Amino acid sequence: MAKLTTHVLNTAAGIPAAGMRVELHRIDAGSTTLLCTADTDADGRCPTPLLQGPALRNGRYSLAFHVAAYFRSLGLPLREPPFLDVVVIDFGVSDAAQNHHVPLLVSPWSYSTYRGS
């Protein structure tokens, strides 16, 4: 059964980003629908797949990672407004029969992502 998963690594500290809020949206014809929210666990992963099976369909999606709130929860002083507040990754699923893993590597000043499986 195909699934959509994510995990987050705090590259500034070299640790998993535990306790980060993640939102998944579906994008249809310019409008977005919130599908789910989750907080990352101690390993920086959402404890269950964000979507799986028939709920994972071909189309456009968006993941929103609340990075400023996460770094503030660690006691890191951030300027107002923070350089990165919510990191949004828009991506497409063209084969819903495959697993899709969308990780985020993040610091208060930079981020990167890639397509995993």
Protein backbone atom coordinates (compact mmCIF):
# COMPACT_ATOMS: atom_id res chain seq x y z
CA MET A 1 0.00 0.00 0.00
CA ALA A 2 1.54 3.31 -1.10
CA LYS A 3 2.02 6.06 1.45
CA LEU A 4 3.16 9.66 1.90
CA THR A 5 5.61 10.28 4.75
CA THR A 6 7.96 12.97 5.99
CA HIS A 7 10.65 13.60 8.54
CA VAL A 8 12.52 16.69 9.68
CA LEU A 9 16.16 17.11 10.69
CA ASN A 10 17.50 20.14 12.56
CA THR A 11 20.74 20.63 10.65
CA ALA A 12 21.90 23.48 12.91
CA ALA A 13 22.08 21.11 15.89
CA GLY A 14 22.50 17.81 14.06
CA ILE A 15 19.38 16.28 15.67
CA PRO A 16 15.89 15.17 14.66
CA ALA A 17 13.37 18.01 14.86
CA ALA A 18 11.03 16.61 17.51
CA GLY A 19 7.75 18.40 18.13
CA MET A 20 7.47 20.32 14.86
CA ARG A 21 3.95 20.96 13.56
CA VAL A 22 3.37 19.74 9.99
CA GLU A 23 0.28 20.36 7.87
CA LEU A 24 -0.64 18.55 4.65
CA HIS A 25 -2.86 20.27 2.09
CA ARG A 26 -4.26 19.10 -1.24
CA ILE A 27 -4.20 21.70 -4.01
CA ASP A 28 -7.11 21.56 -6.48
CA ALA A 29 -7.74 24.24 -9.12
CA GLY A 30 -6.07 26.94 -7.05
CA SER A 31 -7.80 26.14 -3.76
CA THR A 32 -6.29 24.19 -0.90
CA THR A 33 -7.86 21.70 1.48
CA LEU A 34 -6.25 20.80 4.81
CA LEU A 35 -5.98 17.01 4.93
CA CYS A 36 -4.16 16.51 8.22
CA THR A 37 -1.86 17.95 10.84
CA ALA A 38 0.75 16.12 12.87
CA ASP A 39 3.65 16.79 15.22
CA THR A 40 6.96 15.07 14.62
CA ASP A 41 8.06 12.49 17.18
CA ALA A 42 11.43 12.13 18.95
CA ASP A 43 12.94 10.81 15.70
CA GLY A 44 11.69 13.83 13.72
CA ARG A 45 9.08 11.70 11.93
CA CYS A 46 5.33 11.90 11.81
CA PRO A 47 4.20 8.82 13.76
CA THR A 48 1.89 7.59 10.98
CA PRO A 49 1.81 8.16 7.22
CA LEU A 50 0.22 11.47 6.26
CA LEU A 51 -1.71 9.65 3.51
CA GLN A 52 -1.86 6.05 2.46
CA GLY A 53 -3.76 3.66 0.23
CA PRO A 54 -6.63 5.11 -1.78
CA ALA A 55 -6.41 8.46 0.07
CA LEU A 56 -3.10 9.07 -1.75
CA ARG A 57 -4.12 10.22 -5.22
CA ASN A 58 -2.30 11.73 -8.15
CA GLY A 59 -2.28 15.51 -7.89
CA ARG A 60 -0.72 18.52 -6.19
CA TYR A 61 0.02 18.68 -2.47
CA SER A 62 1.60 21.10 -0.04
CA LEU A 63 3.45 20.41 3.21
CA ALA A 64 3.75 23.30 5.67
CA PHE A 65 6.45 22.96 8.34
CA HIS A 66 6.23 25.38 11.30
CA VAL A 67 9.96 25.91 11.70
CA ALA A 68 10.06 29.24 13.61
CA ALA A 69 7.74 27.89 16.34
CA TYR A 70 9.96 24.80 16.57
CA PHE A 71 13.20 26.79 16.95
CA ARG A 72 11.57 29.11 19.48
CA SER A 73 10.47 26.07 21.50
CA LEU A 74 14.17 25.18 21.78
CA GLY A 75 14.85 28.62 23.28
CA LEU A 76 16.57 29.96 20.18
CA PRO A 77 16.06 33.73 19.94
CA LEU A 78 14.73 34.60 16.50
CA ARG A 79 14.28 38.07 15.08
CA GLU A 80 10.81 39.34 14.35
CA PRO A 81 9.84 38.46 11.76
CA PRO A 82 11.98 35.32 11.58
CA PHE A 83 13.89 34.64 8.38
CA LEU A 84 12.01 31.32 8.01
CA ASP A 85 8.60 31.04 9.65
CA VAL A 86 6.62 28.35 7.85
CA VAL A 87 8.45 26.40 5.14
CA VAL A 88 6.01 25.32 2.45
CA ILE A 89 6.90 22.59 -0.02
CA ASP A 90 4.53 22.23 -2.96
CA PHE A 91 4.96 18.94 -4.79
CA GLY A 92 3.19 16.64 -7.20
CA VAL A 93 2.28 12.98 -7.06
CA SER A 94 2.16 11.49 -10.56
CA ASP A 95 2.07 7.82 -9.53
CA ALA A 96 0.00 7.26 -6.39
CA ALA A 97 0.96 3.57 -6.43
CA GLN A 98 4.49 4.53 -5.30
CA ASN A 99 5.66 5.61 -1.86
CA HIS A 100 6.48 9.31 -1.55
CA HIS A 101 8.76 10.56 1.21
CA VAL A 102 9.30 14.33 1.51
CA PRO A 103 11.97 15.10 4.14
CA LEU A 104 12.99 18.55 5.33
CA LEU A 105 16.51 19.45 6.44
CA VAL A 106 16.27 22.81 8.19
CA SER A 107 18.08 25.44 10.23
CA PRO A 108 16.74 28.87 11.23
CA TRP A 109 18.30 30.28 8.03
CA SER A 110 18.13 27.56 5.37
CA TYR A 111 16.38 24.40 4.24
CA SER A 112 16.51 21.69 1.62
CA THR A 113 14.37 18.77 0.58
CA TYR A 114 14.38 15.88 -1.85
CA ARG A 115 12.11 13.07 -2.98
CA GLY A 116 12.67 9.92 -1.01
CA SER A 117 10.79 6.65 -1.27
